[in-house]
Structure formats: C-alpha cells, structure tokens
C-alpha cells in the first residue's frame, strides 16, 4: 500500500504486481467564511505567491487570503504540484502557513478566517 507515486517498472522487476484499488481526491478547501468557488489554477497560484492577498479581488468578502500548505514530503502537496503547473517548482514564501499533519490542515481551514489549503479531508 502506498500514498505516494510508485515506480511501477521497478516493482515489476522485483517480481511484484501493482494493483490500484482506490484513489482519494486532493482538493483546495476554504474557510466557511469564504464565499468564492471555482478557482482557476492561476488564481490559486496567485494566492500562494502572494500576488493576490484579499478574497475581495475574487468577488468574495473583504478578508485576507491565508494560504496553507502541507509539507512537500506529503502526498497532498505532491499531487497538487503535479497537477497545478504553476505550483510545480514554486518555493513557498514564508508567508504561507504549513500544516504538518492532515488533521492540522482541517483545523486551519475550519478556524482560520480566509484560509485556503489543499486537503484530502472530506
């Protein structure tokens, strides 16, 4: 069982087989006070680089955007970086909060006004 990408060829060379049995979606979640949805990749990138700083710029409330990420070693971040091209090589600015554990991301999104972050939590 694995939560990170696998080198299928290397596994098969060792005489094992790979069977995908499930996938979990990684999504960007926001704090309940944010009324914006359907964000484009470029808008998400602008939030994480600091180019976009207030939800009002997206038609939402006059509220600071608080970007939160998971450590680069976690699958949530790995998936997001692979799928959102403008985040692939981005070095997260110091202003971006890091939630080391999955539960901490859910807590940040629930309790931090203006928060946006990647999560598998449903």
PDB file of N, CA and C in Angstrom:
ATOM      1  N   UNK A   1       0.856  -1.163   0.000  1.00  0.00           N
ATOM      2  CA  UNK A   1       0.000   0.000   0.000  1.00  0.00           C
ATOM      3  C   UNK A   1       0.907   1.232   0.000  1.00  0.00           C
ATOM      4  N   UNK A   2       0.513   2.240  -0.783  1.00  0.00           N
ATOM      5  CA  UNK A   2       1.332   3.438  -0.888  1.00  0.00           C
ATOM      6  C   UNK A   2       0.459   4.665  -1.063  1.00  0.00           C
ATOM      7  N   UNK A   3       0.922   5.760  -0.527  1.00  0.00           N
ATOM      8  CA  UNK A   3       0.205   7.007  -0.739  1.00  0.00           C
ATOM      9  C   UNK A   3       0.984   7.947  -1.645  1.00  0.00           C
ATOM     10  N   UNK A   4       2.190   7.585  -1.999  1.00  0.00           N
ATOM     11  CA  UNK A   4       2.998   8.385  -2.905  1.00  0.00           C
ATOM     12  C   UNK A   4       3.150   7.652  -4.223  1.00  0.00           C
ATOM     13  N   UNK A   5       3.654   8.364  -5.211  1.00  0.00           N
ATOM     14  CA  UNK A   5       3.864   7.769  -6.517  1.00  0.00           C
ATOM     15  C   UNK A   5       4.767   6.549  -6.453  1.00  0.00           C
ATOM     16  N   UNK A   6       4.486   5.603  -7.321  1.00  0.00           N
ATOM     17  CA  UNK A   6       5.270   4.365  -7.361  1.00  0.00           C
ATOM     18  C   UNK A   6       6.028   4.270  -8.669  1.00  0.00           C
ATOM     19  N   UNK A   7       7.182   3.643  -8.618  1.00  0.00           N
ATOM     20  CA  UNK A   7       7.908   3.300  -9.828  1.00  0.00           C
ATOM     21  C   UNK A   7       7.463   1.880 -10.185  1.00  0.00           C
ATOM     22  N   UNK A   8       6.419   1.793 -11.001  1.00  0.00           N
ATOM     23  CA  UNK A   8       5.801   0.507 -11.317  1.00  0.00           C
ATOM     24  C   UNK A   8       6.803  -0.441 -11.962  1.00  0.00           C
ATOM     25  N   UNK A   9       7.633   0.053 -12.870  1.00  0.00           N
ATOM     26  CA  UNK A   9       8.610  -0.803 -13.550  1.00  0.00           C
ATOM     27  C   UNK A   9       9.577  -1.434 -12.551  1.00  0.00           C
ATOM     28  N   UNK A  10      10.055  -0.659 -11.589  1.00  0.00           N
ATOM     29  CA  UNK A  10      10.986  -1.188 -10.584  1.00  0.00           C
ATOM     30  C   UNK A  10      10.309  -2.253  -9.725  1.00  0.00           C
ATOM     31  N   UNK A  11       9.063  -2.033  -9.403  1.00  0.00           N
ATOM     32  CA  UNK A  11       8.325  -3.015  -8.598  1.00  0.00           C
ATOM     33  C   UNK A  11       8.135  -4.307  -9.382  1.00  0.00           C
ATOM     34  N   UNK A  12       7.798  -4.182 -10.655  1.00  0.00           N
ATOM     35  CA  UNK A  12       7.597  -5.359 -11.502  1.00  0.00           C
ATOM     36  C   UNK A  12       8.897  -6.126 -11.715  1.00  0.00           C
ATOM     37  N   UNK A  13      10.025  -5.425 -11.784  1.00  0.00           N
ATOM     38  CA  UNK A  13      11.325  -6.080 -11.931  1.00  0.00           C
ATOM     39  C   UNK A  13      11.658  -6.948 -10.726  1.00  0.00           C
ATOM     40  N   UNK A  14      11.056  -6.650  -9.595  1.00  0.00           N
ATOM     41  CA  UNK A  14      11.272  -7.438  -8.382  1.00  0.00           C
ATOM     42  C   UNK A  14      10.267  -8.582  -8.264  1.00  0.00           C
ATOM     43  N   UNK A  15       9.476  -8.781  -9.330  1.00  0.00           N
ATOM     44  CA  UNK A  15       8.534  -9.887  -9.347  1.00  0.00           C
ATOM     45  C   UNK A  15       7.206  -9.597  -8.676  1.00  0.00           C
ATOM     46  N   UNK A  16       6.949  -8.358  -8.387  1.00  0.00           N
ATOM     47  CA  UNK A  16       5.674  -7.996  -7.750  1.00  0.00           C
ATOM     48  C   UNK A  16       4.749  -7.352  -8.770  1.00  0.00           C
ATOM     49  N   UNK A  17       3.485  -7.284  -8.421  1.00  0.00           N
ATOM     50  CA  UNK A  17       2.490  -6.649  -9.276  1.00  0.00           C
ATOM     51  C   UNK A  17       1.906  -5.446  -8.548  1.00  0.00           C
ATOM     52  N   UNK A  18       1.446  -4.491  -9.324  1.00  0.00           N
ATOM     53  CA  UNK A  18       0.814  -3.304  -8.770  1.00  0.00           C
ATOM     54  C   UNK A  18      -0.660  -3.335  -9.146  1.00  0.00           C
ATOM     55  N   UNK A  19      -1.516  -3.199  -8.146  1.00  0.00           N
ATOM     56  CA  UNK A  19      -2.959  -3.138  -8.363  1.00  0.00           C
ATOM     57  C   UNK A  19      -3.495  -1.878  -7.710  1.00  0.00           C
ATOM     58  N   UNK A  20      -4.016  -0.981  -8.529  1.00  0.00           N
ATOM     59  CA  UNK A  20      -4.616   0.222  -7.970  1.00  0.00           C
ATOM     60  C   UNK A  20      -6.019  -0.134  -7.497  1.00  0.00           C
ATOM     61  N   UNK A  21      -6.288   0.120  -6.234  1.00  0.00           N
ATOM     62  CA  UNK A  21      -7.595  -0.235  -5.701  1.00  0.00           C
ATOM     63  C   UNK A  21      -8.416   0.979  -5.287  1.00  0.00           C
ATOM     64  N   UNK A  22      -7.775   2.115  -5.138  1.00  0.00           N
ATOM     65  CA  UNK A  22      -8.527   3.301  -4.737  1.00  0.00           C
ATOM     66  C   UNK A  22      -7.718   4.562  -4.985  1.00  0.00           C
ATOM     67  N   UNK A  23      -8.425   5.659  -5.119  1.00  0.00           N
ATOM     68  CA  UNK A  23      -7.822   6.975  -5.209  1.00  0.00           C
ATOM     69  C   UNK A  23      -8.607   7.888  -4.293  1.00  0.00           C
ATOM     70  N   UNK A  24      -7.915   8.846  -3.743  1.00  0.00           N
ATOM     71  CA  UNK A  24      -8.560   9.854  -2.916  1.00  0.00           C
ATOM     72  C   UNK A  24      -8.320  11.201  -3.566  1.00  0.00           C
ATOM     73  N   UNK A  25      -9.354  11.971  -3.694  1.00  0.00           N
ATOM     74  CA  UNK A  25      -9.233  13.298  -4.310  1.00  0.00           C
ATOM     75  C   UNK A  25      -8.474  14.245  -3.387  1.00  0.00           C
ATOM     76  N   UNK A  26      -7.638  15.057  -3.994  1.00  0.00           N
ATOM     77  CA  UNK A  26      -6.987  16.152  -3.280  1.00  0.00           C
ATOM     78  C   UNK A  26      -7.653  17.414  -3.811  1.00  0.00           C
ATOM     79  N   UNK A  27      -8.182  18.218  -2.913  1.00  0.00           N
ATOM     80  CA  UNK A  27      -8.922  19.419  -3.301  1.00  0.00           C
ATOM     81  C   UNK A  27      -8.382  20.628  -2.555  1.00  0.00           C
ATOM     82  N   UNK A  28      -8.727  21.798  -3.053  1.00  0.00           N
ATOM     83  CA  UNK A  28      -8.461  23.019  -2.308  1.00  0.00           C
ATOM     84  C   UNK A  28      -9.732  23.337  -1.538  1.00  0.00           C
ATOM     85  N   UNK A  29      -9.596  23.456  -0.241  1.00  0.00           N
ATOM     86  CA  UNK A  29     -10.710  23.825   0.614  1.00  0.00           C
ATOM     87  C   UNK A  29     -10.499  25.230   1.118  1.00  0.00           C
ATOM     88  N   UNK A  30     -11.589  25.863   1.524  1.00  0.00           N
ATOM     89  CA  UNK A  30     -11.516  27.213   2.074  1.00  0.00           C
ATOM     90  C   UNK A  30     -12.296  27.270   3.381  1.00  0.00           C
ATOM     91  N   UNK A  31     -11.998  28.260   4.183  1.00  0.00           N
ATOM     92  CA  UNK A  31     -12.738  28.513   5.405  1.00  0.00           C
ATOM     93  C   UNK A  31     -14.191  28.825   5.054  1.00  0.00           C
ATOM     94  N   UNK A  32     -15.116  28.455   5.916  1.00  0.00           N
ATOM     95  CA  UNK A  32     -16.550  28.631   5.671  1.00  0.00           C
ATOM     96  C   UNK A  32     -16.938  30.087   5.407  1.00  0.00           C
ATOM     97  N   UNK A  33     -16.155  31.039   5.862  1.00  0.00           N
ATOM     98  CA  UNK A  33     -16.450  32.449   5.646  1.00  0.00           C
ATOM     99  C   UNK A  33     -16.112  32.950   4.254  1.00  0.00           C
ATOM    100  N   UNK A  34     -15.489  32.097   3.446  1.00  0.00           N
ATOM    101  CA  UNK A  34     -15.115  32.469   2.080  1.00  0.00           C
ATOM    102  C   UNK A  34     -16.227  31.995   1.149  1.00  0.00           C
ATOM    103  N   UNK A  35     -16.784  32.922   0.382  1.00  0.00           N
ATOM    104  CA  UNK A  35     -17.910  32.593  -0.493  1.00  0.00           C
ATOM    105  C   UNK A  35     -17.504  32.394  -1.939  1.00  0.00           C
ATOM    106  N   UNK A  36     -16.227  32.276  -2.203  1.00  0.00           N
ATOM    107  CA  UNK A  36     -15.708  32.116  -3.562  1.00  0.00           C
ATOM    108  C   UNK A  36     -15.560  30.628  -3.863  1.00  0.00           C
ATOM    109  N   UNK A  37     -15.949  30.235  -5.085  1.00  0.00           N
ATOM    110  CA  UNK A  37     -15.709  28.855  -5.509  1.00  0.00           C
ATOM    111  C   UNK A  37     -15.236  28.843  -6.959  1.00  0.00           C
ATOM    112  N   UNK A  38     -14.938  27.680  -7.467  1.00  0.00           N
ATOM    113  CA  UNK A  38     -14.475  27.503  -8.853  1.00  0.00           C
ATOM    114  C   UNK A  38     -13.231  28.328  -9.166  1.00  0.00           C
ATOM    115  N   UNK A  39     -12.220  28.202  -8.341  1.00  0.00           N
ATOM    116  CA  UNK A  39     -10.971  28.927  -8.567  1.00  0.00           C
ATOM    117  C   UNK A  39     -10.187  28.307  -9.723  1.00  0.00           C
ATOM    118  N   UNK A  40      -9.600  29.149 -10.543  1.00  0.00           N
ATOM    119  CA  UNK A  40      -8.728  28.695 -11.620  1.00  0.00           C
ATOM    120  C   UNK A  40      -7.329  28.443 -11.057  1.00  0.00           C
ATOM    121  N   UNK A  41      -6.571  27.594 -11.728  1.00  0.00           N
ATOM    122  CA  UNK A  41      -5.203  27.301 -11.299  1.00  0.00           C
ATOM    123  C   UNK A  41      -4.397  28.579 -11.098  1.00  0.00           C
ATOM    124  N   UNK A  42      -4.501  29.514 -12.036  1.00  0.00           N
ATOM    125  CA  UNK A  42      -3.722  30.756 -11.948  1.00  0.00           C
ATOM    126  C   UNK A  42      -4.102  31.556 -10.705  1.00  0.00           C
ATOM    127  N   UNK A  43      -5.370  31.540 -10.329  1.00  0.00           N
ATOM    128  CA  UNK A  43      -5.797  32.258  -9.125  1.00  0.00           C
ATOM    129  C   UNK A  43      -5.217  31.607  -7.872  1.00  0.00           C
ATOM    130  N   UNK A  44      -5.217  30.278  -7.844  1.00  0.00           N
ATOM    131  CA  UNK A  44      -4.627  29.565  -6.706  1.00  0.00           C
ATOM    132  C   UNK A  44      -3.143  29.904  -6.609  1.00  0.00           C
ATOM    133  N   UNK A  45      -2.457  29.901  -7.729  1.00  0.00           N
ATOM    134  CA  UNK A  45      -1.031  30.231  -7.727  1.00  0.00           C
ATOM    135  C   UNK A  45      -0.794  31.656  -7.236  1.00  0.00           C
ATOM    136  N   UNK A  46      -1.646  32.584  -7.667  1.00  0.00           N
ATOM    137  CA  UNK A  46      -1.507  33.968  -7.220  1.00  0.00           C
ATOM    138  C   UNK A  46      -1.690  34.076  -5.705  1.00  0.00           C
ATOM    139  N   UNK A  47      -2.531  33.231  -5.128  1.00  0.00           N
ATOM    140  CA  UNK A  47      -2.714  33.238  -3.672  1.00  0.00           C
ATOM    141  C   UNK A  47      -1.459  32.735  -2.969  1.00  0.00           C
ATOM    142  N   UNK A  48      -0.868  31.671  -3.496  1.00  0.00           N
ATOM    143  CA  UNK A  48       0.306  31.086  -2.845  1.00  0.00           C
ATOM    144  C   UNK A  48       1.570  31.906  -3.059  1.00  0.00           C
ATOM    145  N   UNK A  49       1.657  32.668  -4.144  1.00  0.00           N
ATOM    146  CA  UNK A  49       2.831  33.523  -4.347  1.00  0.00           C
ATOM    147  C   UNK A  49       2.702  34.854  -3.627  1.00  0.00           C
ATOM    148  N   UNK A  50       1.488  35.194  -3.197  1.00  0.00           N
ATOM    149  CA  UNK A  50       1.253  36.468  -2.537  1.00  0.00           C
ATOM    150  C   UNK A  50       0.822  37.576  -3.479  1.00  0.00           C
ATOM    151  N   UNK A  51       0.684  37.252  -4.760  1.00  0.00           N
ATOM    152  CA  UNK A  51       0.247  38.253  -5.733  1.00  0.00           C
ATOM    153  C   UNK A  51      -1.205  38.675  -5.456  1.00  0.00           C
ATOM    154  N   UNK A  52      -2.025  37.734  -5.001  1.00  0.00           N
ATOM    155  CA  UNK A  52      -3.416  38.012  -4.645  1.00  0.00           C
ATOM    156  C   UNK A  52      -3.525  37.860  -3.134  1.00  0.00           C
ATOM    157  N   UNK A  53      -3.985  38.895  -2.443  1.00  0.00           N
ATOM    158  CA  UNK A  53      -3.945  38.898  -0.984  1.00  0.00           C
ATOM    159  C   UNK A  53      -5.309  39.017  -0.300  1.00  0.00           C
ATOM    160  N   UNK A  54      -6.367  39.305  -1.061  1.00  0.00           N
ATOM    161  CA  UNK A  54      -7.670  39.516  -0.431  1.00  0.00           C
ATOM    162  C   UNK A  54      -8.756  38.830  -1.254  1.00  0.00           C
ATOM    163  N   UNK A  55      -9.693  38.170  -0.570  1.00  0.00           N
ATOM    164  CA  UNK A  55     -10.781  37.463  -1.247  1.00  0.00           C
ATOM    165  C   UNK A  55     -11.670  38.426  -2.030  1.00  0.00           C
ATOM    166  N   UNK A  56     -11.659  39.704  -1.677  1.00  0.00           N
ATOM    167  CA  UNK A  56     -12.451  40.713  -2.377  1.00  0.00           C
ATOM    168  C   UNK A  56     -12.045  40.791  -3.852  1.00  0.00           C
ATOM    169  N   UNK A  57     -10.767  40.525  -4.145  1.00  0.00           N
ATOM    170  CA  UNK A  57     -10.270  40.547  -5.528  1.00  0.00           C
ATOM    171  C   UNK A  57     -10.945  39.482  -6.390  1.00  0.00           C
ATOM    172  N   UNK A  58     -11.562  38.495  -5.743  1.00  0.00           N
ATOM    173  CA  UNK A  58     -12.226  37.391  -6.452  1.00  0.00           C
ATOM    174  C   UNK A  58     -13.747  37.442  -6.287  1.00  0.00           C
ATOM    175  N   UNK A  59     -14.242  38.575  -5.800  1.00  0.00           N
ATOM    176  CA  UNK A  59     -15.678  38.722  -5.612  1.00  0.00           C
ATOM    177  C   UNK A  59     -16.176  38.211  -4.271  1.00  0.00           C
ATOM    178  N   UNK A  60     -15.265  37.918  -3.386  1.00  0.00           N
ATOM    179  CA  UNK A  60     -15.626  37.420  -2.061  1.00  0.00           C
ATOM    180  C   UNK A  60     -15.607  38.517  -1.022  1.00  0.00           C
ATOM    181  N   UNK A  61     -15.582  38.125   0.247  1.00  0.00           N
ATOM    182  CA  UNK A  61     -15.579  39.116   1.327  1.00  0.00           C
ATOM    183  C   UNK A  61     -14.249  39.869   1.419  1.00  0.00           C
ATOM    184  N   UNK A  62     -14.281  41.017   2.058  1.00  0.00           N
ATOM    185  CA  UNK A  62     -13.066  41.794   2.293  1.00  0.00           C
ATOM    186  C   UNK A  62     -12.314  41.113   3.433  1.00  0.00           C
ATOM    187  N   UNK A  63     -11.530  40.118   3.067  1.00  0.00           N
ATOM    188  CA  UNK A  63     -10.885  39.230   4.025  1.00  0.00           C
ATOM    189  C   UNK A  63      -9.533  38.797   3.467  1.00  0.00           C
ATOM    190  N   UNK A  64      -8.510  38.864   4.280  1.00  0.00           N
ATOM    191  CA  UNK A  64      -7.179  38.457   3.839  1.00  0.00           C
ATOM    192  C   UNK A  64      -7.168  36.976   3.448  1.00  0.00           C
ATOM    193  N   UNK A  65      -6.472  36.671   2.366  1.00  0.00           N
ATOM    194  CA  UNK A  65      -6.271  35.283   1.956  1.00  0.00           C
ATOM    195  C   UNK A  65      -5.141  34.717   2.805  1.00  0.00           C
ATOM    196  N   UNK A  66      -5.375  33.559   3.418  1.00  0.00           N
ATOM    197  CA  UNK A  66      -4.370  32.898   4.250  1.00  0.00           C
ATOM    198  C   UNK A  66      -4.065  31.539   3.627  1.00  0.00           C
ATOM    199  N   UNK A  67      -3.041  31.466   2.760  1.00  0.00           N
ATOM    200  CA  UNK A  67      -2.719  30.191   2.135  1.00  0.00           C
ATOM    201  C   UNK A  67      -2.026  29.239   3.118  1.00  0.00           C
ATOM    202  N   UNK A  68      -2.440  27.983   3.054  1.00  0.00           N
ATOM    203  CA  UNK A  68      -1.880  26.943   3.912  1.00  0.00           C
ATOM    204  C   UNK A  68      -1.478  25.787   3.010  1.00  0.00           C
ATOM    205  N   UNK A  69      -0.354  25.173   3.305  1.00  0.00           N
ATOM    206  CA  UNK A  69       0.113  24.032   2.519  1.00  0.00           C
ATOM    207  C   UNK A  69       0.490  22.892   3.453  1.00  0.00           C
ATOM    208  N   UNK A  70       0.716  21.746   2.875  1.00  0.00           N
ATOM    209  CA  UNK A  70       1.249  20.597   3.598  1.00  0.00           C
ATOM    210  C   UNK A  70       2.737  20.531   3.253  1.00  0.00           C
ATOM    211  N   UNK A  71       3.550  19.850   4.034  1.00  0.00           N
ATOM    212  CA  UNK A  71       4.974  19.727   3.694  1.00  0.00           C
ATOM    213  C   UNK A  71       5.154  19.085   2.312  1.00  0.00           C
ATOM    214  N   UNK A  72       6.226  19.446   1.645  1.00  0.00           N
ATOM    215  CA  UNK A  72       6.495  18.884   0.313  1.00  0.00           C
ATOM    216  C   UNK A  72       6.604  17.363   0.326  1.00  0.00           C
ATOM    217  N   UNK A  73       6.916  16.774   1.468  1.00  0.00           N
ATOM    218  CA  UNK A  73       7.058  15.323   1.562  1.00  0.00           C
ATOM    219  C   UNK A  73       5.709  14.601   1.638  1.00  0.00           C
ATOM    220  N   UNK A  74       4.609  15.344   1.743  1.00  0.00           N
ATOM    221  CA  UNK A  74       3.285  14.729   1.873  1.00  0.00           C
ATOM    222  C   UNK A  74       2.609  14.580   0.517  1.00  0.00           C
ATOM    223  N   UNK A  75       1.771  13.554   0.393  1.00  0.00           N
ATOM    224  CA  UNK A  75       1.134  13.238  -0.881  1.00  0.00           C
ATOM    225  C   UNK A  75       0.204  14.355  -1.353  1.00  0.00           C
ATOM    226  N   UNK A  76      -0.473  15.051  -0.449  1.00  0.00           N
ATOM    227  CA  UNK A  76      -1.363  16.143  -0.867  1.00  0.00           C
ATOM    228  C   UNK A  76      -0.578  17.155  -1.708  1.00  0.00           C
ATOM    229  N   UNK A  77       0.553  17.564  -1.196  1.00  0.00           N
ATOM    230  CA  UNK A  77       1.380  18.548  -1.895  1.00  0.00           C
ATOM    231  C   UNK A  77       1.955  17.958  -3.171  1.00  0.00           C
ATOM    232  N   UNK A  78       2.364  16.706  -3.123  1.00  0.00           N
ATOM    233  CA  UNK A  78       2.906  16.029  -4.307  1.00  0.00           C
ATOM    234  C   UNK A  78       1.872  16.028  -5.442  1.00  0.00           C
ATOM    235  N   UNK A  79       0.649  15.689  -5.127  1.00  0.00           N
ATOM    236  CA  UNK A  79      -0.419  15.646  -6.133  1.00  0.00           C
ATOM    237  C   UNK A  79      -0.699  17.042  -6.676  1.00  0.00           C
ATOM    238  N   UNK A  80      -0.830  18.017  -5.797  1.00  0.00           N
ATOM    239  CA  UNK A  80      -1.118  19.388  -6.230  1.00  0.00           C
ATOM    240  C   UNK A  80      -0.003  19.909  -7.123  1.00  0.00           C
ATOM    241  N   UNK A  81       1.227  19.717  -6.728  1.00  0.00           N
ATOM    242  CA  UNK A  81       2.352  20.208  -7.532  1.00  0.00           C
ATOM    243  C   UNK A  81       2.407  19.527  -8.900  1.00  0.00           C
ATOM    244  N   UNK A  82       1.985  18.272  -8.971  1.00  0.00           N
ATOM    245  CA  UNK A  82       1.983  17.549 -10.249  1.00  0.00           C
ATOM    246  C   UNK A  82       0.848  18.015 -11.165  1.00  0.00           C
ATOM    247  N   UNK A  83      -0.242  18.495 -10.592  1.00  0.00           N
ATOM    248  CA  UNK A  83      -1.422  18.832 -11.384  1.00  0.00           C
ATOM    249  C   UNK A  83      -1.616  20.323 -11.639  1.00  0.00           C
ATOM    250  N   UNK A  84      -1.038  21.170 -10.821  1.00  0.00           N
ATOM    251  CA  UNK A  84      -1.175  22.624 -10.996  1.00  0.00           C
ATOM    252  C   UNK A  84       0.200  23.132 -11.407  1.00  0.00           C
ATOM    253  N   UNK A  85       0.364  23.311 -12.720  1.00  0.00           N
ATOM    254  CA  UNK A  85       1.693  23.558 -13.283  1.00  0.00           C
ATOM    255  C   UNK A  85       2.411  24.761 -12.671  1.00  0.00           C
ATOM    256  N   UNK A  86       1.686  25.810 -12.338  1.00  0.00           N
ATOM    257  CA  UNK A  86       2.360  26.994 -11.790  1.00  0.00           C
ATOM    258  C   UNK A  86       2.859  26.768 -10.360  1.00  0.00           C
ATOM    259  N   UNK A  87       2.447  25.668  -9.717  1.00  0.00           N
ATOM    260  CA  UNK A  87       2.941  25.348  -8.377  1.00  0.00           C
ATOM    261  C   UNK A  87       4.070  24.311  -8.409  1.00  0.00           C
ATOM    262  N   UNK A  88       4.331  23.745  -9.579  1.00  0.00           N
ATOM    263  CA  UNK A  88       5.296  22.650  -9.689  1.00  0.00           C
ATOM    264  C   UNK A  88       6.639  22.977  -9.062  1.00  0.00           C
ATOM    265  N   UNK A  89       7.214  24.098  -9.403  1.00  0.00           N
ATOM    266  CA  UNK A  89       8.544  24.464  -8.920  1.00  0.00           C
ATOM    267  C   UNK A  89       8.522  25.608  -7.907  1.00  0.00           C
ATOM    268  N   UNK A  90       7.333  26.042  -7.509  1.00  0.00           N
ATOM    269  CA  UNK A  90       7.237  27.186  -6.607  1.00  0.00           C
ATOM    270  C   UNK A  90       7.844  26.890  -5.249  1.00  0.00           C
ATOM    271  N   UNK A  91       8.747  27.772  -4.811  1.00  0.00           N
ATOM    272  CA  UNK A  91       9.245  27.721  -3.440  1.00  0.00           C
ATOM    273  C   UNK A  91       8.264  28.549  -2.632  1.00  0.00           C
ATOM    274  N   UNK A  92       7.567  27.880  -1.720  1.00  0.00           N
ATOM    275  CA  UNK A  92       6.536  28.567  -0.958  1.00  0.00           C
ATOM    276  C   UNK A  92       7.135  29.712  -0.145  1.00  0.00           C
ATOM    277  N   UNK A  93       6.556  30.904  -0.247  1.00  0.00           N
ATOM    278  CA  UNK A  93       7.031  32.030   0.549  1.00  0.00           C
ATOM    279  C   UNK A  93       6.840  31.760   2.042  1.00  0.00           C
ATOM    280  N   UNK A  94       7.585  32.467   2.867  1.00  0.00           N
ATOM    281  CA  UNK A  94       7.470  32.297   4.317  1.00  0.00           C
ATOM    282  C   UNK A  94       6.083  32.656   4.833  1.00  0.00           C
ATOM    283  N   UNK A  95       5.345  33.451   4.074  1.00  0.00           N
ATOM    284  CA  UNK A  95       4.005  33.851   4.496  1.00  0.00           C
ATOM    285  C   UNK A  95       2.989  32.709   4.396  1.00  0.00           C
ATOM    286  N   UNK A  96       3.324  31.641   3.672  1.00  0.00           N
ATOM    287  CA  UNK A  96       2.422  30.501   3.538  1.00  0.00           C
ATOM    288  C   UNK A  96       2.572  29.612   4.770  1.00  0.00           C
ATOM    289  N   UNK A  97       1.478  29.363   5.446  1.00  0.00           N
ATOM    290  CA  UNK A  97       1.498  28.503   6.631  1.00  0.00           C
ATOM    291  C   UNK A  97       1.671  27.051   6.206  1.00  0.00           C
ATOM    292  N   UNK A  98       2.312  26.270   7.056  1.00  0.00           N
ATOM    293  CA  UNK A  98       2.493  24.838   6.795  1.00  0.00           C
ATOM    294  C   UNK A  98       1.747  24.060   7.870  1.00  0.00           C
ATOM    295  N   UNK A  99       0.921  23.122   7.421  1.00  0.00           N
ATOM    296  CA  UNK A  99       0.198  22.230   8.336  1.00  0.00           C
ATOM    297  C   UNK A  99       0.865  20.860   8.239  1.00  0.00           C
ATOM    298  N   UNK A 100       1.725  20.520   9.207  1.00  0.00           N
ATOM    299  CA  UNK A 100       2.492  19.280   9.122  1.00  0.00           C
ATOM    300  C   UNK A 100       1.656  18.003   9.069  1.00  0.00           C
ATOM    301  N   UNK A 101       0.486  17.998   9.696  1.00  0.00           N
ATOM    302  CA  UNK A 101      -0.341  16.788   9.732  1.00  0.00           C
ATOM    303  C   UNK A 101      -1.676  17.065   9.064  1.00  0.00           C
ATOM    304  N   UNK A 102      -2.268  16.023   8.468  1.00  0.00           N
ATOM    305  CA  UNK A 102      -3.544  16.174   7.762  1.00  0.00           C
ATOM    306  C   UNK A 102      -4.603  16.792   8.655  1.00  0.00           C
ATOM    307  N   UNK A 103      -4.706  16.371   9.878  1.00  0.00           N
ATOM    308  CA  UNK A 103      -5.684  16.923  10.805  1.00  0.00           C
ATOM    309  C   UNK A 103      -5.475  18.401  11.059  1.00  0.00           C
ATOM    310  N   UNK A 104      -4.223  18.822  10.997  1.00  0.00           N
ATOM    311  CA  UNK A 104      -3.918  20.237  11.209  1.00  0.00           C
ATOM    312  C   UNK A 104      -4.417  21.088  10.045  1.00  0.00           C
ATOM    313  N   UNK A 105      -4.398  20.530   8.843  1.00  0.00           N
ATOM    314  CA  UNK A 105      -4.929  21.273   7.693  1.00  0.00           C
ATOM    315  C   UNK A 105      -6.429  21.487   7.885  1.00  0.00           C
ATOM    316  N   UNK A 106      -7.141  20.452   8.270  1.00  0.00           N
ATOM    317  CA  UNK A 106      -8.575  20.583   8.506  1.00  0.00           C
ATOM    318  C   UNK A 106      -8.848  21.621   9.590  1.00  0.00           C
ATOM    319  N   UNK A 107      -8.044  21.617  10.629  1.00  0.00           N
ATOM    320  CA  UNK A 107      -8.184  22.586  11.721  1.00  0.00           C
ATOM    321  C   UNK A 107      -7.939  24.010  11.228  1.00  0.00           C
ATOM    322  N   UNK A 108      -6.900  24.199  10.430  1.00  0.00           N
ATOM    323  CA  UNK A 108      -6.595  25.532   9.872  1.00  0.00           C
ATOM    324  C   UNK A 108      -7.754  26.033   9.020  1.00  0.00           C
ATOM    325  N   UNK A 109      -8.284  25.174   8.159  1.00  0.00           N
ATOM    326  CA  UNK A 109      -9.381  25.582   7.285  1.00  0.00           C
ATOM    327  C   UNK A 109     -10.635  25.914   8.087  1.00  0.00           C
ATOM    328  N   UNK A 110     -10.867  25.173   9.156  1.00  0.00           N
ATOM    329  CA  UNK A 110     -12.065  25.389   9.964  1.00  0.00           C
ATOM    330  C   UNK A 110     -11.970  26.630  10.848  1.00  0.00           C
ATOM    331  N   UNK A 111     -10.786  26.952  11.325  1.00  0.00           N
ATOM    332  CA  UNK A 111     -10.666  28.003  12.345  1.00  0.00           C
ATOM    333  C   UNK A 111      -9.984  29.290  11.891  1.00  0.00           C
ATOM    334  N   UNK A 112      -9.363  29.297  10.724  1.00  0.00           N
ATOM    335  CA  UNK A 112      -8.635  30.485  10.270  1.00  0.00           C
ATOM    336  C   UNK A 112      -9.445  31.227   9.217  1.00  0.00           C
ATOM    337  N   UNK A 113      -9.907  32.410   9.559  1.00  0.00           N
ATOM    338  CA  UNK A 113     -10.669  33.227   8.608  1.00  0.00           C
ATOM    339  C   UNK A 113      -9.829  33.479   7.362  1.00  0.00           C
ATOM    340  N   UNK A 114     -10.403  33.234   6.194  1.00  0.00           N
ATOM    341  CA  UNK A 114      -9.713  33.484   4.932  1.00  0.00           C
ATOM    342  C   UNK A 114      -8.787  32.388   4.473  1.00  0.00           C
ATOM    343  N   UNK A 115      -8.720  31.280   5.198  1.00  0.00           N
ATOM    344  CA  UNK A 115      -7.790  30.200   4.864  1.00  0.00           C
ATOM    345  C   UNK A 115      -8.176  29.482   3.575  1.00  0.00           C
ATOM    346  N   UNK A 116      -7.151  29.058   2.831  1.00  0.00           N
ATOM    347  CA  UNK A 116      -7.293  28.192   1.661  1.00  0.00           C
ATOM    348  C   UNK A 116      -6.166  27.172   1.754  1.00  0.00           C
ATOM    349  N   UNK A 117      -6.455  25.902   1.479  1.00  0.00           N
ATOM    350  CA  UNK A 117      -5.413  24.891   1.560  1.00  0.00           C
ATOM    351  C   UNK A 117      -5.802  23.601   0.879  1.00  0.00           C
ATOM    352  N   UNK A 118      -4.804  22.805   0.582  1.00  0.00           N
ATOM    353  CA  UNK A 118      -5.003  21.512  -0.087  1.00  0.00           C
ATOM    354  C   UNK A 118      -5.289  20.443   0.941  1.00  0.00           C
ATOM    355  N   UNK A 119      -6.239  19.574   0.633  1.00  0.00           N
ATOM    356  CA  UNK A 119      -6.611  18.558   1.599  1.00  0.00           C
ATOM    357  C   UNK A 119      -7.276  17.360   0.938  1.00  0.00           C
ATOM    358  N   UNK A 120      -7.207  16.241   1.619  1.00  0.00           N
ATOM    359  CA  UNK A 120      -7.971  15.057   1.224  1.00  0.00           C
ATOM    360  C   UNK A 120      -9.122  14.860   2.176  1.00  0.00           C
ATOM    361  N   UNK A 121      -9.230  15.728   3.171  1.00  0.00           N
ATOM    362  CA  UNK A 121     -10.285  15.635   4.162  1.00  0.00           C
ATOM    363  C   UNK A 121     -11.621  15.988   3.526  1.00  0.00           C
ATOM    364  N   UNK A 122     -12.605  15.156   3.781  1.00  0.00           N
ATOM    365  CA  UNK A 122     -13.926  15.434   3.208  1.00  0.00           C
ATOM    366  C   UNK A 122     -14.862  15.992   4.243  1.00  0.00           C
TER     367      UNK A 122
END
